[in-house]
Amino acid sequence: MQQYNESLISWKQHKPSKDAGINNIQIPGQPQLMVWQNRDHEPTNYELSLTENLIAAFSSGAETLPEVVNALNDQGMLLEDGSVFTTESFEREMARLGY
């Protein structure tokens, strides 16, 4: 099974394009439905670890941004560059990963 949509890589930019991406996701009449339609790469170990740590943070009762950040830091989760999370760096990271 394909783990990501290779067609997304060629047009992914920091800002969304105003032009339609004809035939980038599906060719009319030839839809190739895949589980990971909106994923442009397989998750990295960092992304998988962050997901697991976020689930643990929310499961332990974290609800506000400072609580989530504190939970990640308490769990030993670090940013990819090895630094600890701050509310600002967490928001930047979510914006980067969530695009």
PDB file of N, CA and C in Angstrom:
ATOM      1  N   MET A   1       0.844  -1.174   0.000  1.00  0.00           N
ATOM      2  CA  MET A   1       0.000   0.000   0.000  1.00  0.00           C
ATOM      3  C   MET A   1       0.894   1.244   0.000  1.00  0.00           C
ATOM      4  N   GLN A   2       0.522   2.200  -0.808  1.00  0.00           N
ATOM      5  CA  GLN A   2       1.261   3.463  -0.860  1.00  0.00           C
ATOM      6  C   GLN A   2       1.057   4.218   0.446  1.00  0.00           C
ATOM      7  N   GLN A   3       2.145   4.705   1.043  1.00  0.00           N
ATOM      8  CA  GLN A   3       2.089   5.340   2.349  1.00  0.00           C
ATOM      9  C   GLN A   3       1.913   6.852   2.302  1.00  0.00           C
ATOM     10  N   TYR A   4       2.009   7.458   1.121  1.00  0.00           N
ATOM     11  CA  TYR A   4       1.809   8.898   0.986  1.00  0.00           C
ATOM     12  C   TYR A   4       1.476   9.217  -0.453  1.00  0.00           C
ATOM     13  N   ASN A   5       0.998  10.425  -0.695  1.00  0.00           N
ATOM     14  CA  ASN A   5       0.580  10.863  -2.017  1.00  0.00           C
ATOM     15  C   ASN A   5       1.745  11.590  -2.690  1.00  0.00           C
ATOM     16  N   GLU A   6       2.437  10.900  -3.587  1.00  0.00           N
ATOM     17  CA  GLU A   6       3.605  11.475  -4.261  1.00  0.00           C
ATOM     18  C   GLU A   6       3.260  12.703  -5.097  1.00  0.00           C
ATOM     19  N   SER A   7       2.017  12.822  -5.522  1.00  0.00           N
ATOM     20  CA  SER A   7       1.616  13.971  -6.337  1.00  0.00           C
ATOM     21  C   SER A   7       1.647  15.272  -5.558  1.00  0.00           C
ATOM     22  N   LEU A   8       1.571  15.203  -4.250  1.00  0.00           N
ATOM     23  CA  LEU A   8       1.560  16.429  -3.447  1.00  0.00           C
ATOM     24  C   LEU A   8       2.933  17.082  -3.363  1.00  0.00           C
ATOM     25  N   ILE A   9       3.993  16.317  -3.473  1.00  0.00           N
ATOM     26  CA  ILE A   9       5.344  16.844  -3.310  1.00  0.00           C
ATOM     27  C   ILE A   9       5.660  17.935  -4.329  1.00  0.00           C
ATOM     28  N   SER A  10       5.253  17.749  -5.561  1.00  0.00           N
ATOM     29  CA  SER A  10       5.646  18.673  -6.627  1.00  0.00           C
ATOM     30  C   SER A  10       5.042  20.062  -6.486  1.00  0.00           C
ATOM     31  N   TRP A  11       3.928  20.199  -5.814  1.00  0.00           N
ATOM     32  CA  TRP A  11       3.311  21.523  -5.734  1.00  0.00           C
ATOM     33  C   TRP A  11       3.239  22.080  -4.321  1.00  0.00           C
ATOM     34  N   LYS A  12       3.699  21.341  -3.336  1.00  0.00           N
ATOM     35  CA  LYS A  12       3.626  21.839  -1.957  1.00  0.00           C
ATOM     36  C   LYS A  12       4.562  23.025  -1.786  1.00  0.00           C
ATOM     37  N   GLN A  13       4.009  24.121  -1.342  1.00  0.00           N
ATOM     38  CA  GLN A  13       4.771  25.334  -1.108  1.00  0.00           C
ATOM     39  C   GLN A  13       4.420  25.873   0.266  1.00  0.00           C
ATOM     40  N   HIS A  14       5.187  26.848   0.726  1.00  0.00           N
ATOM     41  CA  HIS A  14       4.905  27.437   2.032  1.00  0.00           C
ATOM     42  C   HIS A  14       3.536  28.101   2.046  1.00  0.00           C
ATOM     43  N   LYS A  15       3.176  28.729   0.930  1.00  0.00           N
ATOM     44  CA  LYS A  15       1.857  29.342   0.816  1.00  0.00           C
ATOM     45  C   LYS A  15       1.066  28.564  -0.233  1.00  0.00           C
ATOM     46  N   PRO A  16      -0.208  28.319   0.030  1.00  0.00           N
ATOM     47  CA  PRO A  16      -1.015  27.593  -0.946  1.00  0.00           C
ATOM     48  C   PRO A  16      -1.092  28.344  -2.276  1.00  0.00           C
ATOM     49  N   SER A  17      -1.089  27.599  -3.344  1.00  0.00           N
ATOM     50  CA  SER A  17      -1.199  28.182  -4.676  1.00  0.00           C
ATOM     51  C   SER A  17      -2.636  28.633  -4.920  1.00  0.00           C
ATOM     52  N   LYS A  18      -2.792  29.705  -5.676  1.00  0.00           N
ATOM     53  CA  LYS A  18      -4.128  30.168  -6.039  1.00  0.00           C
ATOM     54  C   LYS A  18      -4.647  29.417  -7.268  1.00  0.00           C
ATOM     55  N   ASP A  19      -3.755  28.690  -7.953  1.00  0.00           N
ATOM     56  CA  ASP A  19      -4.132  27.947  -9.147  1.00  0.00           C
ATOM     57  C   ASP A  19      -4.564  26.531  -8.778  1.00  0.00           C
ATOM     58  N   ALA A  20      -5.541  26.038  -9.516  1.00  0.00           N
ATOM     59  CA  ALA A  20      -6.000  24.659  -9.286  1.00  0.00           C
ATOM     60  C   ALA A  20      -4.893  23.682  -9.649  1.00  0.00           C
ATOM     61  N   GLY A  21      -4.811  22.608  -8.921  1.00  0.00           N
ATOM     62  CA  GLY A  21      -3.803  21.578  -9.181  1.00  0.00           C
ATOM     63  C   GLY A  21      -4.385  20.447 -10.001  1.00  0.00           C
ATOM     64  N   ILE A  22      -4.761  20.742 -11.236  1.00  0.00           N
ATOM     65  CA  ILE A  22      -5.413  19.754 -12.089  1.00  0.00           C
ATOM     66  C   ILE A  22      -4.534  18.515 -12.225  1.00  0.00           C
ATOM     67  N   ASN A  23      -5.144  17.362 -12.012  1.00  0.00           N
ATOM     68  CA  ASN A  23      -4.516  16.047 -12.135  1.00  0.00           C
ATOM     69  C   ASN A  23      -3.425  15.797 -11.098  1.00  0.00           C
ATOM     70  N   ASN A  24      -3.305  16.635 -10.082  1.00  0.00           N
ATOM     71  CA  ASN A  24      -2.280  16.394  -9.065  1.00  0.00           C
ATOM     72  C   ASN A  24      -2.696  15.360  -8.042  1.00  0.00           C
ATOM     73  N   ILE A  25      -3.960  15.319  -7.711  1.00  0.00           N
ATOM     74  CA  ILE A  25      -4.405  14.356  -6.712  1.00  0.00           C
ATOM     75  C   ILE A  25      -5.122  13.192  -7.390  1.00  0.00           C
ATOM     76  N   GLN A  26      -5.966  13.468  -8.357  1.00  0.00           N
ATOM     77  CA  GLN A  26      -6.654  12.410  -9.080  1.00  0.00           C
ATOM     78  C   GLN A  26      -6.770  12.782 -10.548  1.00  0.00           C
ATOM     79  N   ILE A  27      -6.580  11.819 -11.392  1.00  0.00           N
ATOM     80  CA  ILE A  27      -6.811  12.008 -12.822  1.00  0.00           C
ATOM     81  C   ILE A  27      -8.270  11.656 -13.075  1.00  0.00           C
ATOM     82  N   PRO A  28      -9.034  12.572 -13.671  1.00  0.00           N
ATOM     83  CA  PRO A  28     -10.450  12.295 -13.906  1.00  0.00           C
ATOM     84  C   PRO A  28     -10.652  10.950 -14.611  1.00  0.00           C
ATOM     85  N   GLY A  29     -11.556  10.163 -14.066  1.00  0.00           N
ATOM     86  CA  GLY A  29     -11.842   8.851 -14.644  1.00  0.00           C
ATOM     87  C   GLY A  29     -10.888   7.771 -14.176  1.00  0.00           C
ATOM     88  N   GLN A  30      -9.835   8.143 -13.500  1.00  0.00           N
ATOM     89  CA  GLN A  30      -8.851   7.167 -13.019  1.00  0.00           C
ATOM     90  C   GLN A  30      -8.505   7.429 -11.557  1.00  0.00           C
ATOM     91  N   PRO A  31      -9.507   7.521 -10.693  1.00  0.00           N
ATOM     92  CA  PRO A  31      -9.175   7.832  -9.300  1.00  0.00           C
ATOM     93  C   PRO A  31      -8.385   6.702  -8.652  1.00  0.00           C
ATOM     94  N   GLN A  32      -7.315   7.077  -7.997  1.00  0.00           N
ATOM     95  CA  GLN A  32      -6.535   6.123  -7.229  1.00  0.00           C
ATOM     96  C   GLN A  32      -6.710   6.510  -5.771  1.00  0.00           C
ATOM     97  N   LEU A  33      -7.681   5.872  -5.125  1.00  0.00           N
ATOM     98  CA  LEU A  33      -7.963   6.205  -3.748  1.00  0.00           C
ATOM     99  C   LEU A  33      -6.918   5.557  -2.860  1.00  0.00           C
ATOM    100  N   MET A  34      -6.353   6.357  -1.971  1.00  0.00           N
ATOM    101  CA  MET A  34      -5.344   5.837  -1.055  1.00  0.00           C
ATOM    102  C   MET A  34      -5.670   6.287   0.350  1.00  0.00           C
ATOM    103  N   VAL A  35      -5.212   5.523   1.298  1.00  0.00           N
ATOM    104  CA  VAL A  35      -5.493   5.822   2.692  1.00  0.00           C
ATOM    105  C   VAL A  35      -4.913   7.170   3.085  1.00  0.00           C
ATOM    106  N   TRP A  36      -3.707   7.469   2.635  1.00  0.00           N
ATOM    107  CA  TRP A  36      -3.008   8.684   3.040  1.00  0.00           C
ATOM    108  C   TRP A  36      -3.062   9.721   1.921  1.00  0.00           C
ATOM    109  N   GLN A  37      -4.262  10.117   1.511  1.00  0.00           N
ATOM    110  CA  GLN A  37      -4.471  11.015   0.386  1.00  0.00           C
ATOM    111  C   GLN A  37      -3.751  12.354   0.542  1.00  0.00           C
ATOM    112  N   ASN A  38      -3.662  12.886   1.765  1.00  0.00           N
ATOM    113  CA  ASN A  38      -3.109  14.221   1.976  1.00  0.00           C
ATOM    114  C   ASN A  38      -1.702  14.215   2.552  1.00  0.00           C
ATOM    115  N   ARG A  39      -1.062  13.080   2.613  1.00  0.00           N
ATOM    116  CA  ARG A  39       0.280  12.979   3.183  1.00  0.00           C
ATOM    117  C   ARG A  39       1.298  13.019   2.056  1.00  0.00           C
ATOM    118  N   ASP A  40       2.304  13.901   2.159  1.00  0.00           N
ATOM    119  CA  ASP A  40       3.295  14.011   1.081  1.00  0.00           C
ATOM    120  C   ASP A  40       4.583  13.245   1.382  1.00  0.00           C
ATOM    121  N   HIS A  41       4.652  12.595   2.537  1.00  0.00           N
ATOM    122  CA  HIS A  41       5.798  11.751   2.884  1.00  0.00           C
ATOM    123  C   HIS A  41       5.382  10.834   4.037  1.00  0.00           C
ATOM    124  N   GLU A  42       6.144   9.769   4.217  1.00  0.00           N
ATOM    125  CA  GLU A  42       5.879   8.921   5.375  1.00  0.00           C
ATOM    126  C   GLU A  42       6.315   9.678   6.626  1.00  0.00           C
ATOM    127  N   PRO A  43       5.622   9.472   7.742  1.00  0.00           N
ATOM    128  CA  PRO A  43       6.010  10.177   8.966  1.00  0.00           C
ATOM    129  C   PRO A  43       7.433   9.798   9.390  1.00  0.00           C
ATOM    130  N   THR A  44       8.169  10.790   9.836  1.00  0.00           N
ATOM    131  CA  THR A  44       9.514  10.550  10.339  1.00  0.00           C
ATOM    132  C   THR A  44       9.421  10.001  11.766  1.00  0.00           C
ATOM    133  N   ASN A  45      10.519   9.492  12.278  1.00  0.00           N
ATOM    134  CA  ASN A  45      10.536   9.023  13.673  1.00  0.00           C
ATOM    135  C   ASN A  45      10.187  10.162  14.625  1.00  0.00           C
ATOM    136  N   TYR A  46      10.678  11.360  14.306  1.00  0.00           N
ATOM    137  CA  TYR A  46      10.363  12.537  15.125  1.00  0.00           C
ATOM    138  C   TYR A  46       8.855  12.790  15.140  1.00  0.00           C
ATOM    139  N   GLU A  47       8.212  12.767  13.967  1.00  0.00           N
ATOM    140  CA  GLU A  47       6.777  13.027  13.887  1.00  0.00           C
ATOM    141  C   GLU A  47       5.978  11.962  14.632  1.00  0.00           C
ATOM    142  N   LEU A  48       6.387  10.700  14.510  1.00  0.00           N
ATOM    143  CA  LEU A  48       5.703   9.624  15.226  1.00  0.00           C
ATOM    144  C   LEU A  48       5.868   9.785  16.734  1.00  0.00           C
ATOM    145  N   SER A  49       7.069  10.139  17.177  1.00  0.00           N
ATOM    146  CA  SER A  49       7.321  10.348  18.596  1.00  0.00           C
ATOM    147  C   SER A  49       6.510  11.526  19.128  1.00  0.00           C
ATOM    148  N   LEU A  50       6.462  12.612  18.363  1.00  0.00           N
ATOM    149  CA  LEU A  50       5.674  13.776  18.776  1.00  0.00           C
ATOM    150  C   LEU A  50       4.203  13.398  18.900  1.00  0.00           C
ATOM    151  N   THR A  51       3.690  12.619  17.966  1.00  0.00           N
ATOM    152  CA  THR A  51       2.296  12.170  18.023  1.00  0.00           C
ATOM    153  C   THR A  51       2.036  11.375  19.293  1.00  0.00           C
ATOM    154  N   GLU A  52       2.910  10.422  19.589  1.00  0.00           N
ATOM    155  CA  GLU A  52       2.745   9.603  20.790  1.00  0.00           C
ATOM    156  C   GLU A  52       2.793  10.464  22.052  1.00  0.00           C
ATOM    157  N   ASN A  53       3.719  11.417  22.094  1.00  0.00           N
ATOM    158  CA  ASN A  53       3.839  12.278  23.265  1.00  0.00           C
ATOM    159  C   ASN A  53       2.656  13.229  23.404  1.00  0.00           C
ATOM    160  N   LEU A  54       2.103  13.697  22.291  1.00  0.00           N
ATOM    161  CA  LEU A  54       0.905  14.542  22.362  1.00  0.00           C
ATOM    162  C   LEU A  54      -0.290  13.744  22.870  1.00  0.00           C
ATOM    163  N   ILE A  55      -0.425  12.512  22.405  1.00  0.00           N
ATOM    164  CA  ILE A  55      -1.514  11.661  22.891  1.00  0.00           C
ATOM    165  C   ILE A  55      -1.381  11.460  24.397  1.00  0.00           C
ATOM    166  N   ALA A  56      -0.163  11.203  24.849  1.00  0.00           N
ATOM    167  CA  ALA A  56       0.069  11.030  26.285  1.00  0.00           C
ATOM    168  C   ALA A  56      -0.236  12.309  27.053  1.00  0.00           C
ATOM    169  N   ALA A  57       0.137  13.452  26.498  1.00  0.00           N
ATOM    170  CA  ALA A  57      -0.121  14.734  27.161  1.00  0.00           C
ATOM    171  C   ALA A  57      -1.621  14.969  27.314  1.00  0.00           C
ATOM    172  N   PHE A  58      -2.362  14.764  26.233  1.00  0.00           N
ATOM    173  CA  PHE A  58      -3.812  14.969  26.303  1.00  0.00           C
ATOM    174  C   PHE A  58      -4.472  13.930  27.202  1.00  0.00           C
ATOM    175  N   SER A  59      -3.975  12.700  27.166  1.00  0.00           N
ATOM    176  CA  SER A  59      -4.534  11.636  28.010  1.00  0.00           C
ATOM    177  C   SER A  59      -4.308  11.910  29.492  1.00  0.00           C
ATOM    178  N   SER A  60      -3.242  12.624  29.796  1.00  0.00           N
ATOM    179  CA  SER A  60      -2.950  12.938  31.203  1.00  0.00           C
ATOM    180  C   SER A  60      -3.692  14.189  31.683  1.00  0.00           C
ATOM    181  N   GLY A  61      -4.487  14.790  30.796  1.00  0.00           N
ATOM    182  CA  GLY A  61      -5.329  15.906  31.210  1.00  0.00           C
ATOM    183  C   GLY A  61      -4.894  17.281  30.734  1.00  0.00           C
ATOM    184  N   ALA A  62      -3.814  17.371  29.959  1.00  0.00           N
ATOM    185  CA  ALA A  62      -3.380  18.676  29.445  1.00  0.00           C
ATOM    186  C   ALA A  62      -4.443  19.238  28.510  1.00  0.00           C
ATOM    187  N   GLU A  63      -4.824  20.487  28.748  1.00  0.00           N
ATOM    188  CA  GLU A  63      -5.852  21.119  27.919  1.00  0.00           C
ATOM    189  C   GLU A  63      -5.412  22.453  27.345  1.00  0.00           C
ATOM    190  N   THR A  64      -4.604  23.183  28.067  1.00  0.00           N
ATOM    191  CA  THR A  64      -4.172  24.494  27.589  1.00  0.00           C
ATOM    192  C   THR A  64      -2.797  24.366  26.934  1.00  0.00           C
ATOM    193  N   LEU A  65      -2.425  25.357  26.172  1.00  0.00           N
ATOM    194  CA  LEU A  65      -1.131  25.341  25.501  1.00  0.00           C
ATOM    195  C   LEU A  65       0.022  25.187  26.499  1.00  0.00           C
ATOM    196  N   PRO A  66       0.055  25.971  27.572  1.00  0.00           N
ATOM    197  CA  PRO A  66       1.149  25.780  28.537  1.00  0.00           C
ATOM    198  C   PRO A  66       1.172  24.376  29.147  1.00  0.00           C
ATOM    199  N   GLU A  67      -0.005  23.799  29.396  1.00  0.00           N
ATOM    200  CA  GLU A  67      -0.054  22.440  29.946  1.00  0.00           C
ATOM    201  C   GLU A  67       0.492  21.420  28.958  1.00  0.00           C
ATOM    202  N   VAL A  68       0.164  21.573  27.687  1.00  0.00           N
ATOM    203  CA  VAL A  68       0.670  20.654  26.658  1.00  0.00           C
ATOM    204  C   VAL A  68       2.184  20.777  26.550  1.00  0.00           C
ATOM    205  N   VAL A  69       2.681  22.001  26.509  1.00  0.00           N
ATOM    206  CA  VAL A  69       4.126  22.232  26.411  1.00  0.00           C
ATOM    207  C   VAL A  69       4.845  21.652  27.621  1.00  0.00           C
ATOM    208  N   ASN A  70       4.302  21.893  28.820  1.00  0.00           N
ATOM    209  CA  ASN A  70       4.921  21.338  30.031  1.00  0.00           C
ATOM    210  C   ASN A  70       4.922  19.819  30.006  1.00  0.00           C
ATOM    211  N   ALA A  71       3.826  19.221  29.541  1.00  0.00           N
ATOM    212  CA  ALA A  71       3.749  17.762  29.472  1.00  0.00           C
ATOM    213  C   ALA A  71       4.790  17.207  28.500  1.00  0.00           C
ATOM    214  N   LEU A  72       4.936  17.839  27.342  1.00  0.00           N
ATOM    215  CA  LEU A  72       5.946  17.379  26.376  1.00  0.00           C
ATOM    216  C   LEU A  72       7.338  17.452  26.979  1.00  0.00           C
ATOM    217  N   ASN A  73       7.637  18.556  27.636  1.00  0.00           N
ATOM    218  CA  ASN A  73       8.953  18.717  28.253  1.00  0.00           C
ATOM    219  C   ASN A  73       9.158  17.723  29.387  1.00  0.00           C
ATOM    220  N   ASP A  74       8.127  17.487  30.201  1.00  0.00           N
ATOM    221  CA  ASP A  74       8.221  16.518  31.302  1.00  0.00           C
ATOM    222  C   ASP A  74       8.445  15.105  30.774  1.00  0.00           C
ATOM    223  N   GLN A  75       7.886  14.810  29.603  1.00  0.00           N
ATOM    224  CA  GLN A  75       8.035  13.486  28.990  1.00  0.00           C
ATOM    225  C   GLN A  75       9.387  13.340  28.286  1.00  0.00           C
ATOM    226  N   GLY A  76      10.138  14.430  28.197  1.00  0.00           N
ATOM    227  CA  GLY A  76      11.447  14.368  27.541  1.00  0.00           C
ATOM    228  C   GLY A  76      11.391  14.538  26.036  1.00  0.00           C
ATOM    229  N   MET A  77      10.246  14.966  25.512  1.00  0.00           N
ATOM    230  CA  MET A  77      10.123  15.203  24.075  1.00  0.00           C
ATOM    231  C   MET A  77      10.842  16.496  23.725  1.00  0.00           C
ATOM    232  N   LEU A  78      11.711  16.433  22.739  1.00  0.00           N
ATOM    233  CA  LEU A  78      12.462  17.603  22.285  1.00  0.00           C
ATOM    234  C   LEU A  78      12.112  17.924  20.847  1.00  0.00           C
ATOM    235  N   LEU A  79      12.325  19.171  20.462  1.00  0.00           N
ATOM    236  CA  LEU A  79      12.198  19.558  19.058  1.00  0.00           C
ATOM    237  C   LEU A  79      13.278  18.832  18.249  1.00  0.00           C
ATOM    238  N   GLU A  80      13.137  18.815  16.948  1.00  0.00           N
ATOM    239  CA  GLU A  80      14.115  18.126  16.096  1.00  0.00           C
ATOM    240  C   GLU A  80      15.532  18.642  16.297  1.00  0.00           C
ATOM    241  N   ASP A  81      15.683  19.919  16.643  1.00  0.00           N
ATOM    242  CA  ASP A  81      17.026  20.467  16.835  1.00  0.00           C
ATOM    243  C   ASP A  81      17.575  20.190  18.240  1.00  0.00           C
ATOM    244  N   GLY A  82      16.800  19.470  19.070  1.00  0.00           N
ATOM    245  CA  GLY A  82      17.257  19.098  20.399  1.00  0.00           C
ATOM    246  C   GLY A  82      16.880  20.066  21.498  1.00  0.00           C
ATOM    247  N   SER A  83      16.186  21.133  21.175  1.00  0.00           N
ATOM    248  CA  SER A  83      15.794  22.109  22.194  1.00  0.00           C
ATOM    249  C   SER A  83      14.447  21.733  22.806  1.00  0.00           C
ATOM    250  N   VAL A  84      14.204  22.281  23.990  1.00  0.00           N
ATOM    251  CA  VAL A  84      12.933  22.018  24.673  1.00  0.00           C
ATOM    252  C   VAL A  84      11.840  22.881  24.045  1.00  0.00           C
ATOM    253  N   PHE A  85      10.602  22.452  24.261  1.00  0.00           N
ATOM    254  CA  PHE A  85       9.470  23.194  23.732  1.00  0.00           C
ATOM    255  C   PHE A  85       9.184  24.431  24.577  1.00  0.00           C
ATOM    256  N   THR A  86       8.806  25.497  23.897  1.00  0.00           N
ATOM    257  CA  THR A  86       8.209  26.671  24.525  1.00  0.00           C
ATOM    258  C   THR A  86       6.845  26.830  23.859  1.00  0.00           C
ATOM    259  N   THR A  87       6.004  27.681  24.393  1.00  0.00           N
ATOM    260  CA  THR A  87       4.703  27.870  23.736  1.00  0.00           C
ATOM    261  C   THR A  87       4.900  28.390  22.310  1.00  0.00           C
ATOM    262  N   GLU A  88       5.886  29.276  22.141  1.00  0.00           N
ATOM    263  CA  GLU A  88       6.143  29.834  20.806  1.00  0.00           C
ATOM    264  C   GLU A  88       6.676  28.767  19.842  1.00  0.00           C
ATOM    265  N   SER A  89       7.624  27.958  20.311  1.00  0.00           N
ATOM    266  CA  SER A  89       8.195  26.944  19.418  1.00  0.00           C
ATOM    267  C   SER A  89       7.170  25.850  19.110  1.00  0.00           C
ATOM    268  N   PHE A  90       6.299  25.546  20.070  1.00  0.00           N
ATOM    269  CA  PHE A  90       5.242  24.562  19.820  1.00  0.00           C
ATOM    270  C   PHE A  90       4.289  25.060  18.740  1.00  0.00           C
ATOM    271  N   GLU A  91       3.879  26.324  18.833  1.00  0.00           N
ATOM    272  CA  GLU A  91       2.982  26.886  17.819  1.00  0.00           C
ATOM    273  C   GLU A  91       3.634  26.893  16.445  1.00  0.00           C
ATOM    274  N   ARG A  92       4.922  27.246  16.381  1.00  0.00           N
ATOM    275  CA  ARG A  92       5.645  27.224  15.094  1.00  0.00           C
ATOM    276  C   ARG A  92       5.714  25.804  14.534  1.00  0.00           C
ATOM    277  N   GLU A  93       5.973  24.852  15.412  1.00  0.00           N
ATOM    278  CA  GLU A  93       6.093  23.458  14.977  1.00  0.00           C
ATOM    279  C   GLU A  93       4.754  22.925  14.479  1.00  0.00           C
ATOM    280  N   MET A  94       3.683  23.267  15.149  1.00  0.00           N
ATOM    281  CA  MET A  94       2.356  22.810  14.701  1.00  0.00           C
ATOM    282  C   MET A  94       1.996  23.453  13.356  1.00  0.00           C
ATOM    283  N   ALA A  95       2.377  24.706  13.170  1.00  0.00           N
ATOM    284  CA  ALA A  95       2.125  25.368  11.881  1.00  0.00           C
ATOM    285  C   ALA A  95       2.940  24.710  10.782  1.00  0.00           C
ATOM    286  N   ARG A  96       4.182  24.360  11.083  1.00  0.00           N
ATOM    287  CA  ARG A  96       5.055  23.731  10.086  1.00  0.00           C
ATOM    288  C   ARG A  96       4.550  22.335   9.731  1.00  0.00           C
ATOM    289  N   LEU A  97       4.215  21.556  10.720  1.00  0.00           N
ATOM    290  CA  LEU A  97       3.784  20.175  10.476  1.00  0.00           C
ATOM    291  C   LEU A  97       2.353  20.079  10.002  1.00  0.00           C
ATOM    292  N   GLY A  98       1.548  21.079  10.337  1.00  0.00           N
ATOM    293  CA  GLY A  98       0.128  21.009  10.015  1.00  0.00           C
ATOM    294  C   GLY A  98      -0.244  21.504   8.648  1.00  0.00           C
ATOM    295  N   TYR A  99       0.727  22.055   7.907  1.00  0.00           N
ATOM    296  CA  TYR A  99       0.377  22.602   6.600  1.00  0.00           C
ATOM    297  C   TYR A  99       0.016  21.539   5.626  1.00  0.00           C
TER     298      TYR A  99
END
